[in-house]
């Protein structure tokens, strides 16, 4: 289980977690979950190229939920490439 860090959103009054599922990311960007799923697979196909496309996500185990970092979704929305390197996990 990953440690979710809740970040308050002032204008909406909701709390959006730093780690989201496909459905949560779809609701965040206002698109269908299949669209986000296709973006994840597009990144997986192009991640070793000079300019990867799509949305970076990871699946901790086989058949587990996809985990998408909110900052990667924000970067994708602004047309920026996904963050590189490893992320530190929050203390449990």
PDB file of N, CA and C in Angstrom:
ATOM      1  N   UNK A   1       0.844  -1.177   0.000  1.00  0.00           N
ATOM      2  CA  UNK A   1       0.000   0.000   0.000  1.00  0.00           C
ATOM      3  C   UNK A   1       0.883   1.231   0.000  1.00  0.00           C
ATOM      4  N   UNK A   2       0.545   2.206  -0.815  1.00  0.00           N
ATOM      5  CA  UNK A   2       1.340   3.416  -0.867  1.00  0.00           C
ATOM      6  C   UNK A   2       0.809   4.428   0.126  1.00  0.00           C
ATOM      7  N   UNK A   3       1.660   5.328   0.512  1.00  0.00           N
ATOM      8  CA  UNK A   3       1.253   6.387   1.413  1.00  0.00           C
ATOM      9  C   UNK A   3       0.726   7.543   0.576  1.00  0.00           C
ATOM     10  N   UNK A   4      -0.531   7.886   0.746  1.00  0.00           N
ATOM     11  CA  UNK A   4      -1.125   8.987   0.010  1.00  0.00           C
ATOM     12  C   UNK A   4      -0.962  10.259   0.817  1.00  0.00           C
ATOM     13  N   UNK A   5      -0.568  11.305   0.138  1.00  0.00           N
ATOM     14  CA  UNK A   5      -0.404  12.596   0.773  1.00  0.00           C
ATOM     15  C   UNK A   5      -1.541  13.473   0.282  1.00  0.00           C
ATOM     16  N   UNK A   6      -2.405  13.901   1.163  1.00  0.00           N
ATOM     17  CA  UNK A   6      -3.540  14.723   0.764  1.00  0.00           C
ATOM     18  C   UNK A   6      -3.097  16.172   0.637  1.00  0.00           C
ATOM     19  N   UNK A   7      -3.500  16.799  -0.462  1.00  0.00           N
ATOM     20  CA  UNK A   7      -3.170  18.190  -0.717  1.00  0.00           C
ATOM     21  C   UNK A   7      -4.480  18.952  -0.859  1.00  0.00           C
ATOM     22  N   UNK A   8      -4.738  19.972  -0.010  1.00  0.00           N
ATOM     23  CA  UNK A   8      -5.999  20.694  -0.129  1.00  0.00           C
ATOM     24  C   UNK A   8      -6.016  21.575  -1.377  1.00  0.00           C
ATOM     25  N   UNK A   9      -7.168  21.641  -2.015  1.00  0.00           N
ATOM     26  CA  UNK A   9      -7.355  22.501  -3.176  1.00  0.00           C
ATOM     27  C   UNK A   9      -8.265  23.634  -2.740  1.00  0.00           C
ATOM     28  N   UNK A  10      -7.755  24.862  -2.783  1.00  0.00           N
ATOM     29  CA  UNK A  10      -8.474  25.993  -2.224  1.00  0.00           C
ATOM     30  C   UNK A  10      -9.723  26.364  -3.019  1.00  0.00           C
ATOM     31  N   UNK A  11      -9.641  26.370  -4.348  1.00  0.00           N
ATOM     32  CA  UNK A  11     -10.753  26.870  -5.139  1.00  0.00           C
ATOM     33  C   UNK A  11     -11.930  25.902  -5.197  1.00  0.00           C
ATOM     34  N   UNK A  12     -11.714  24.631  -5.033  1.00  0.00           N
ATOM     35  CA  UNK A  12     -12.784  23.650  -5.150  1.00  0.00           C
ATOM     36  C   UNK A  12     -13.265  23.190  -3.782  1.00  0.00           C
ATOM     37  N   UNK A  13     -12.410  23.226  -2.801  1.00  0.00           N
ATOM     38  CA  UNK A  13     -12.781  22.758  -1.484  1.00  0.00           C
ATOM     39  C   UNK A  13     -12.654  21.256  -1.323  1.00  0.00           C
ATOM     40  N   UNK A  14     -12.048  20.581  -2.288  1.00  0.00           N
ATOM     41  CA  UNK A  14     -11.847  19.144  -2.226  1.00  0.00           C
ATOM     42  C   UNK A  14     -10.392  18.861  -1.886  1.00  0.00           C
ATOM     43  N   UNK A  15     -10.119  17.614  -1.562  1.00  0.00           N
ATOM     44  CA  UNK A  15      -8.751  17.178  -1.320  1.00  0.00           C
ATOM     45  C   UNK A  15      -8.380  16.204  -2.426  1.00  0.00           C
ATOM     46  N   UNK A  16      -7.280  16.504  -3.117  1.00  0.00           N
ATOM     47  CA  UNK A  16      -6.804  15.640  -4.189  1.00  0.00           C
ATOM     48  C   UNK A  16      -5.518  14.992  -3.707  1.00  0.00           C
ATOM     49  N   UNK A  17      -5.463  13.677  -3.781  1.00  0.00           N
ATOM     50  CA  UNK A  17      -4.301  12.952  -3.298  1.00  0.00           C
ATOM     51  C   UNK A  17      -3.134  13.105  -4.260  1.00  0.00           C
ATOM     52  N   UNK A  18      -1.911  12.975  -3.729  1.00  0.00           N
ATOM     53  CA  UNK A  18      -0.718  13.072  -4.561  1.00  0.00           C
ATOM     54  C   UNK A  18      -0.584  11.862  -5.473  1.00  0.00           C
ATOM     55  N   UNK A  19      -1.101  10.706  -5.053  1.00  0.00           N
ATOM     56  CA  UNK A  19      -1.090   9.498  -5.881  1.00  0.00           C
ATOM     57  C   UNK A  19      -2.537   9.179  -6.230  1.00  0.00           C
ATOM     58  N   UNK A  20      -2.815   9.091  -7.536  1.00  0.00           N
ATOM     59  CA  UNK A  20      -4.186   8.876  -7.989  1.00  0.00           C
ATOM     60  C   UNK A  20      -4.292   7.590  -8.791  1.00  0.00           C
ATOM     61  N   UNK A  21      -5.500   7.057  -8.864  1.00  0.00           N
ATOM     62  CA  UNK A  21      -5.789   5.917  -9.731  1.00  0.00           C
ATOM     63  C   UNK A  21      -6.197   6.454 -11.102  1.00  0.00           C
ATOM     64  N   UNK A  22      -6.438   5.548 -12.047  1.00  0.00           N
ATOM     65  CA  UNK A  22      -6.886   5.946 -13.381  1.00  0.00           C
ATOM     66  C   UNK A  22      -8.189   6.744 -13.286  1.00  0.00           C
ATOM     67  N   UNK A  23      -9.150   6.262 -12.498  1.00  0.00           N
ATOM     68  CA  UNK A  23     -10.441   6.948 -12.378  1.00  0.00           C
ATOM     69  C   UNK A  23     -10.296   8.321 -11.735  1.00  0.00           C
ATOM     70  N   UNK A  24      -9.452   8.420 -10.718  1.00  0.00           N
ATOM     71  CA  UNK A  24      -9.247   9.707 -10.061  1.00  0.00           C
ATOM     72  C   UNK A  24      -8.557  10.694 -10.996  1.00  0.00           C
ATOM     73  N   UNK A  25      -7.579  10.218 -11.759  1.00  0.00           N
ATOM     74  CA  UNK A  25      -6.893  11.090 -12.713  1.00  0.00           C
ATOM     75  C   UNK A  25      -7.851  11.541 -13.811  1.00  0.00           C
ATOM     76  N   UNK A  26      -8.731  10.650 -14.255  1.00  0.00           N
ATOM     77  CA  UNK A  26      -9.712  11.008 -15.283  1.00  0.00           C
ATOM     78  C   UNK A  26     -10.659  12.090 -14.771  1.00  0.00           C
ATOM     79  N   UNK A  27     -11.105  11.955 -13.532  1.00  0.00           N
ATOM     80  CA  UNK A  27     -11.974  12.975 -12.949  1.00  0.00           C
ATOM     81  C   UNK A  27     -11.222  14.292 -12.788  1.00  0.00           C
ATOM     82  N   UNK A  28      -9.947  14.228 -12.452  1.00  0.00           N
ATOM     83  CA  UNK A  28      -9.117  15.418 -12.255  1.00  0.00           C
ATOM     84  C   UNK A  28      -8.969  16.215 -13.544  1.00  0.00           C
ATOM     85  N   UNK A  29      -8.794  15.522 -14.676  1.00  0.00           N
ATOM     86  CA  UNK A  29      -8.613  16.241 -15.944  1.00  0.00           C
ATOM     87  C   UNK A  29      -9.916  16.361 -16.735  1.00  0.00           C
ATOM     88  N   UNK A  30     -10.983  15.734 -16.250  1.00  0.00           N
ATOM     89  CA  UNK A  30     -12.275  15.852 -16.906  1.00  0.00           C
ATOM     90  C   UNK A  30     -12.412  15.018 -18.164  1.00  0.00           C
ATOM     91  N   UNK A  31     -11.775  13.864 -18.198  1.00  0.00           N
ATOM     92  CA  UNK A  31     -11.856  12.970 -19.355  1.00  0.00           C
ATOM     93  C   UNK A  31     -12.307  11.589 -18.900  1.00  0.00           C
ATOM     94  N   UNK A  32     -12.590  10.733 -19.868  1.00  0.00           N
ATOM     95  CA  UNK A  32     -13.028   9.366 -19.591  1.00  0.00           C
ATOM     96  C   UNK A  32     -11.836   8.534 -19.107  1.00  0.00           C
ATOM     97  N   UNK A  33     -12.037   7.574 -18.199  1.00  0.00           N
ATOM     98  CA  UNK A  33     -10.928   6.731 -17.730  1.00  0.00           C
ATOM     99  C   UNK A  33     -10.201   5.987 -18.853  1.00  0.00           C
ATOM    100  N   UNK A  34     -10.910   5.596 -19.913  1.00  0.00           N
ATOM    101  CA  UNK A  34     -10.235   4.928 -21.032  1.00  0.00           C
ATOM    102  C   UNK A  34      -9.221   5.843 -21.708  1.00  0.00           C
ATOM    103  N   UNK A  35      -9.497   7.147 -21.749  1.00  0.00           N
ATOM    104  CA  UNK A  35      -8.563   8.113 -22.321  1.00  0.00           C
ATOM    105  C   UNK A  35      -7.271   8.137 -21.502  1.00  0.00           C
ATOM    106  N   UNK A  36      -7.401   8.168 -20.190  1.00  0.00           N
ATOM    107  CA  UNK A  36      -6.220   8.175 -19.313  1.00  0.00           C
ATOM    108  C   UNK A  36      -5.461   6.856 -19.442  1.00  0.00           C
ATOM    109  N   UNK A  37      -6.185   5.755 -19.506  1.00  0.00           N
ATOM    110  CA  UNK A  37      -5.554   4.443 -19.676  1.00  0.00           C
ATOM    111  C   UNK A  37      -4.751   4.402 -20.977  1.00  0.00           C
ATOM    112  N   UNK A  38      -5.305   4.961 -22.056  1.00  0.00           N
ATOM    113  CA  UNK A  38      -4.576   5.024 -23.327  1.00  0.00           C
ATOM    114  C   UNK A  38      -3.340   5.908 -23.219  1.00  0.00           C
ATOM    115  N   UNK A  39      -3.421   7.006 -22.464  1.00  0.00           N
ATOM    116  CA  UNK A  39      -2.252   7.866 -22.255  1.00  0.00           C
ATOM    117  C   UNK A  39      -1.148   7.124 -21.508  1.00  0.00           C
ATOM    118  N   UNK A  40      -1.536   6.324 -20.528  1.00  0.00           N
ATOM    119  CA  UNK A  40      -0.559   5.545 -19.761  1.00  0.00           C
ATOM    120  C   UNK A  40       0.154   4.555 -20.677  1.00  0.00           C
ATOM    121  N   UNK A  41      -0.602   3.877 -21.522  1.00  0.00           N
ATOM    122  CA  UNK A  41       0.014   2.907 -22.429  1.00  0.00           C
ATOM    123  C   UNK A  41       0.835   3.586 -23.522  1.00  0.00           C
ATOM    124  N   UNK A  42       0.441   4.792 -23.921  1.00  0.00           N
ATOM    125  CA  UNK A  42       1.239   5.537 -24.892  1.00  0.00           C
ATOM    126  C   UNK A  42       2.597   5.896 -24.288  1.00  0.00           C
ATOM    127  N   UNK A  43       2.615   6.302 -23.022  1.00  0.00           N
ATOM    128  CA  UNK A  43       3.893   6.588 -22.365  1.00  0.00           C
ATOM    129  C   UNK A  43       4.736   5.320 -22.271  1.00  0.00           C
ATOM    130  N   UNK A  44       4.108   4.205 -21.933  1.00  0.00           N
ATOM    131  CA  UNK A  44       4.836   2.945 -21.795  1.00  0.00           C
ATOM    132  C   UNK A  44       5.503   2.545 -23.111  1.00  0.00           C
ATOM    133  N   UNK A  45       4.842   2.823 -24.240  1.00  0.00           N
ATOM    134  CA  UNK A  45       5.415   2.491 -25.551  1.00  0.00           C
ATOM    135  C   UNK A  45       6.533   3.437 -25.952  1.00  0.00           C
ATOM    136  N   UNK A  46       6.485   4.699 -25.503  1.00  0.00           N
ATOM    137  CA  UNK A  46       7.444   5.706 -25.968  1.00  0.00           C
ATOM    138  C   UNK A  46       8.435   6.154 -24.902  1.00  0.00           C
ATOM    139  N   UNK A  47       8.477   5.502 -23.741  1.00  0.00           N
ATOM    140  CA  UNK A  47       9.321   5.988 -22.645  1.00  0.00           C
ATOM    141  C   UNK A  47      10.811   5.920 -22.940  1.00  0.00           C
ATOM    142  N   UNK A  48      11.241   5.055 -23.831  1.00  0.00           N
ATOM    143  CA  UNK A  48      12.666   4.947 -24.140  1.00  0.00           C
ATOM    144  C   UNK A  48      13.067   5.761 -25.360  1.00  0.00           C
ATOM    145  N   UNK A  49      12.184   6.603 -25.855  1.00  0.00           N
ATOM    146  CA  UNK A  49      12.501   7.454 -26.995  1.00  0.00           C
ATOM    147  C   UNK A  49      13.011   8.796 -26.499  1.00  0.00           C
ATOM    148  N   UNK A  50      13.433   9.625 -27.444  1.00  0.00           N
ATOM    149  CA  UNK A  50      13.978  10.930 -27.084  1.00  0.00           C
ATOM    150  C   UNK A  50      12.917  11.828 -26.445  1.00  0.00           C
ATOM    151  N   UNK A  51      11.699  11.754 -26.941  1.00  0.00           N
ATOM    152  CA  UNK A  51      10.624  12.574 -26.377  1.00  0.00           C
ATOM    153  C   UNK A  51       9.396  11.705 -26.104  1.00  0.00           C
ATOM    154  N   UNK A  52       9.312  11.145 -24.897  1.00  0.00           N
ATOM    155  CA  UNK A  52       8.168  10.282 -24.574  1.00  0.00           C
ATOM    156  C   UNK A  52       6.862  11.076 -24.557  1.00  0.00           C
ATOM    157  N   UNK A  53       5.788  10.421 -24.966  1.00  0.00           N
ATOM    158  CA  UNK A  53       4.458  11.022 -24.965  1.00  0.00           C
ATOM    159  C   UNK A  53       3.582  10.242 -23.992  1.00  0.00           C
ATOM    160  N   UNK A  54       2.488  10.840 -23.620  1.00  0.00           N
ATOM    161  CA  UNK A  54       1.554  10.145 -22.749  1.00  0.00           C
ATOM    162  C   UNK A  54       1.713  10.543 -21.297  1.00  0.00           C
ATOM    163  N   UNK A  55       1.160   9.735 -20.429  1.00  0.00           N
ATOM    164  CA  UNK A  55       1.115  10.027 -19.003  1.00  0.00           C
ATOM    165  C   UNK A  55       1.862   8.945 -18.230  1.00  0.00           C
ATOM    166  N   UNK A  56       2.835   9.373 -17.438  1.00  0.00           N
ATOM    167  CA  UNK A  56       3.660   8.435 -16.682  1.00  0.00           C
ATOM    168  C   UNK A  56       2.867   7.866 -15.503  1.00  0.00           C
ATOM    169  N   UNK A  57       2.927   6.541 -15.353  1.00  0.00           N
ATOM    170  CA  UNK A  57       2.248   5.856 -14.251  1.00  0.00           C
ATOM    171  C   UNK A  57       3.006   4.570 -13.952  1.00  0.00           C
ATOM    172  N   UNK A  58       2.689   3.959 -12.844  1.00  0.00           N
ATOM    173  CA  UNK A  58       3.303   2.665 -12.545  1.00  0.00           C
ATOM    174  C   UNK A  58       2.273   1.756 -11.877  1.00  0.00           C
ATOM    175  N   UNK A  59       2.533   0.491 -12.019  1.00  0.00           N
ATOM    176  CA  UNK A  59       1.677  -0.542 -11.452  1.00  0.00           C
ATOM    177  C   UNK A  59       2.553  -1.365 -10.511  1.00  0.00           C
ATOM    178  N   UNK A  60       2.355  -1.267  -9.197  1.00  0.00           N
ATOM    179  CA  UNK A  60       3.264  -1.912  -8.252  1.00  0.00           C
ATOM    180  C   UNK A  60       3.312  -3.438  -8.347  1.00  0.00           C
ATOM    181  N   UNK A  61       2.196  -4.048  -8.721  1.00  0.00           N
ATOM    182  CA  UNK A  61       2.129  -5.505  -8.866  1.00  0.00           C
ATOM    183  C   UNK A  61       1.279  -5.821 -10.085  1.00  0.00           C
ATOM    184  N   UNK A  62       1.378  -7.037 -10.556  1.00  0.00           N
ATOM    185  CA  UNK A  62       0.529  -7.474 -11.657  1.00  0.00           C
ATOM    186  C   UNK A  62      -0.930  -7.417 -11.208  1.00  0.00           C
ATOM    187  N   UNK A  63      -1.782  -6.908 -12.056  1.00  0.00           N
ATOM    188  CA  UNK A  63      -3.220  -6.754 -11.797  1.00  0.00           C
ATOM    189  C   UNK A  63      -3.544  -5.774 -10.672  1.00  0.00           C
ATOM    190  N   UNK A  64      -2.601  -4.961 -10.261  1.00  0.00           N
ATOM    191  CA  UNK A  64      -2.869  -3.940  -9.252  1.00  0.00           C
ATOM    192  C   UNK A  64      -3.350  -2.662  -9.941  1.00  0.00           C
ATOM    193  N   UNK A  65      -3.864  -1.737  -9.168  1.00  0.00           N
ATOM    194  CA  UNK A  65      -4.296  -0.451  -9.714  1.00  0.00           C
ATOM    195  C   UNK A  65      -3.089   0.343 -10.192  1.00  0.00           C
ATOM    196  N   UNK A  66      -3.291   1.102 -11.254  1.00  0.00           N
ATOM    197  CA  UNK A  66      -2.240   1.995 -11.723  1.00  0.00           C
ATOM    198  C   UNK A  66      -2.126   3.162 -10.756  1.00  0.00           C
ATOM    199  N   UNK A  67      -0.911   3.628 -10.499  1.00  0.00           N
ATOM    200  CA  UNK A  67      -0.664   4.783  -9.645  1.00  0.00           C
ATOM    201  C   UNK A  67      -0.098   5.900 -10.510  1.00  0.00           C
ATOM    202  N   UNK A  68      -0.740   7.052 -10.453  1.00  0.00           N
ATOM    203  CA  UNK A  68      -0.328   8.212 -11.234  1.00  0.00           C
ATOM    204  C   UNK A  68      -0.097   9.354 -10.257  1.00  0.00           C
ATOM    205  N   UNK A  69       1.060   9.991 -10.349  1.00  0.00           N
ATOM    206  CA  UNK A  69       1.361  11.118  -9.477  1.00  0.00           C
ATOM    207  C   UNK A  69       0.686  12.378 -10.018  1.00  0.00           C
ATOM    208  N   UNK A  70       0.087  13.143  -9.115  1.00  0.00           N
ATOM    209  CA  UNK A  70      -0.633  14.348  -9.509  1.00  0.00           C
ATOM    210  C   UNK A  70       0.278  15.348 -10.205  1.00  0.00           C
ATOM    211  N   UNK A  71       1.531  15.463  -9.777  1.00  0.00           N
ATOM    212  CA  UNK A  71       2.424  16.410 -10.441  1.00  0.00           C
ATOM    213  C   UNK A  71       2.709  15.993 -11.885  1.00  0.00           C
ATOM    214  N   UNK A  72       2.706  14.686 -12.177  1.00  0.00           N
ATOM    215  CA  UNK A  72       2.867  14.241 -13.561  1.00  0.00           C
ATOM    216  C   UNK A  72       1.637  14.590 -14.394  1.00  0.00           C
ATOM    217  N   UNK A  73       0.457  14.505 -13.796  1.00  0.00           N
ATOM    218  CA  UNK A  73      -0.760  14.911 -14.507  1.00  0.00           C
ATOM    219  C   UNK A  73      -0.717  16.412 -14.783  1.00  0.00           C
ATOM    220  N   UNK A  74      -0.300  17.196 -13.788  1.00  0.00           N
ATOM    221  CA  UNK A  74      -0.189  18.643 -13.977  1.00  0.00           C
ATOM    222  C   UNK A  74       0.823  18.981 -15.065  1.00  0.00           C
ATOM    223  N   UNK A  75       1.956  18.281 -15.073  1.00  0.00           N
ATOM    224  CA  UNK A  75       2.964  18.515 -16.113  1.00  0.00           C
ATOM    225  C   UNK A  75       2.407  18.151 -17.484  1.00  0.00           C
ATOM    226  N   UNK A  76       1.657  17.046 -17.576  1.00  0.00           N
ATOM    227  CA  UNK A  76       1.060  16.640 -18.849  1.00  0.00           C
ATOM    228  C   UNK A  76       0.049  17.684 -19.323  1.00  0.00           C
ATOM    229  N   UNK A  77      -0.749  18.221 -18.399  1.00  0.00           N
ATOM    230  CA  UNK A  77      -1.736  19.236 -18.760  1.00  0.00           C
ATOM    231  C   UNK A  77      -1.081  20.489 -19.326  1.00  0.00           C
ATOM    232  N   UNK A  78       0.120  20.809 -18.850  1.00  0.00           N
ATOM    233  CA  UNK A  78       0.838  21.990 -19.329  1.00  0.00           C
ATOM    234  C   UNK A  78       1.757  21.684 -20.507  1.00  0.00           C
ATOM    235  N   UNK A  79       1.721  20.453 -21.000  1.00  0.00           N
ATOM    236  CA  UNK A  79       2.527  20.093 -22.165  1.00  0.00           C
ATOM    237  C   UNK A  79       3.990  19.844 -21.860  1.00  0.00           C
ATOM    238  N   UNK A  80       4.320  19.605 -20.606  1.00  0.00           N
ATOM    239  CA  UNK A  80       5.704  19.352 -20.210  1.00  0.00           C
ATOM    240  C   UNK A  80       5.961  17.852 -20.149  1.00  0.00           C
ATOM    241  N   UNK A  81       7.222  17.444 -20.289  1.00  0.00           N
ATOM    242  CA  UNK A  81       7.528  16.014 -20.158  1.00  0.00           C
ATOM    243  C   UNK A  81       7.380  15.564 -18.707  1.00  0.00           C
ATOM    244  N   UNK A  82       7.190  14.268 -18.484  1.00  0.00           N
ATOM    245  CA  UNK A  82       7.046  13.776 -17.112  1.00  0.00           C
ATOM    246  C   UNK A  82       8.334  13.945 -16.314  1.00  0.00           C
ATOM    247  N   UNK A  83       8.196  13.992 -15.008  1.00  0.00           N
ATOM    248  CA  UNK A  83       9.352  14.115 -14.128  1.00  0.00           C
ATOM    249  C   UNK A  83      10.225  12.871 -14.250  1.00  0.00           C
ATOM    250  N   UNK A  84      11.524  13.059 -14.100  1.00  0.00           N
ATOM    251  CA  UNK A  84      12.452  11.934 -14.174  1.00  0.00           C
ATOM    252  C   UNK A  84      13.010  11.646 -12.792  1.00  0.00           C
ATOM    253  N   UNK A  85      13.644  10.508 -12.653  1.00  0.00           N
ATOM    254  CA  UNK A  85      14.244  10.135 -11.379  1.00  0.00           C
ATOM    255  C   UNK A  85      13.272   9.370 -10.508  1.00  0.00           C
ATOM    256  N   UNK A  86      13.707   9.079  -9.304  1.00  0.00           N
ATOM    257  CA  UNK A  86      12.871   8.322  -8.379  1.00  0.00           C
ATOM    258  C   UNK A  86      12.195   9.271  -7.406  1.00  0.00           C
ATOM    259  N   UNK A  87      11.075   8.855  -6.911  1.00  0.00           N
ATOM    260  CA  UNK A  87      10.346   9.647  -5.933  1.00  0.00           C
ATOM    261  C   UNK A  87      10.562   9.040  -4.546  1.00  0.00           C
ATOM    262  N   UNK A  88      10.666   9.901  -3.563  1.00  0.00           N
ATOM    263  CA  UNK A  88      10.773   9.407  -2.195  1.00  0.00           C
ATOM    264  C   UNK A  88       9.391   9.070  -1.691  1.00  0.00           C
ATOM    265  N   UNK A  89       9.292   7.976  -0.971  1.00  0.00           N
ATOM    266  CA  UNK A  89       8.017   7.582  -0.388  1.00  0.00           C
ATOM    267  C   UNK A  89       7.849   8.261   0.956  1.00  0.00           C
ATOM    268  N   UNK A  90       6.648   8.659   1.243  1.00  0.00           N
ATOM    269  CA  UNK A  90       6.353   9.270   2.533  1.00  0.00           C
ATOM    270  C   UNK A  90       6.451   8.211   3.619  1.00  0.00           C
ATOM    271  N   UNK A  91       6.801   8.642   4.808  1.00  0.00           N
ATOM    272  CA  UNK A  91       6.860   7.707   5.935  1.00  0.00           C
ATOM    273  C   UNK A  91       5.470   7.183   6.231  1.00  0.00           C
ATOM    274  N   UNK A  92       5.397   5.907   6.534  1.00  0.00           N
ATOM    275  CA  UNK A  92       4.084   5.301   6.796  1.00  0.00           C
ATOM    276  C   UNK A  92       3.699   5.414   8.227  1.00  0.00           C
TER     277      UNK A  92
END
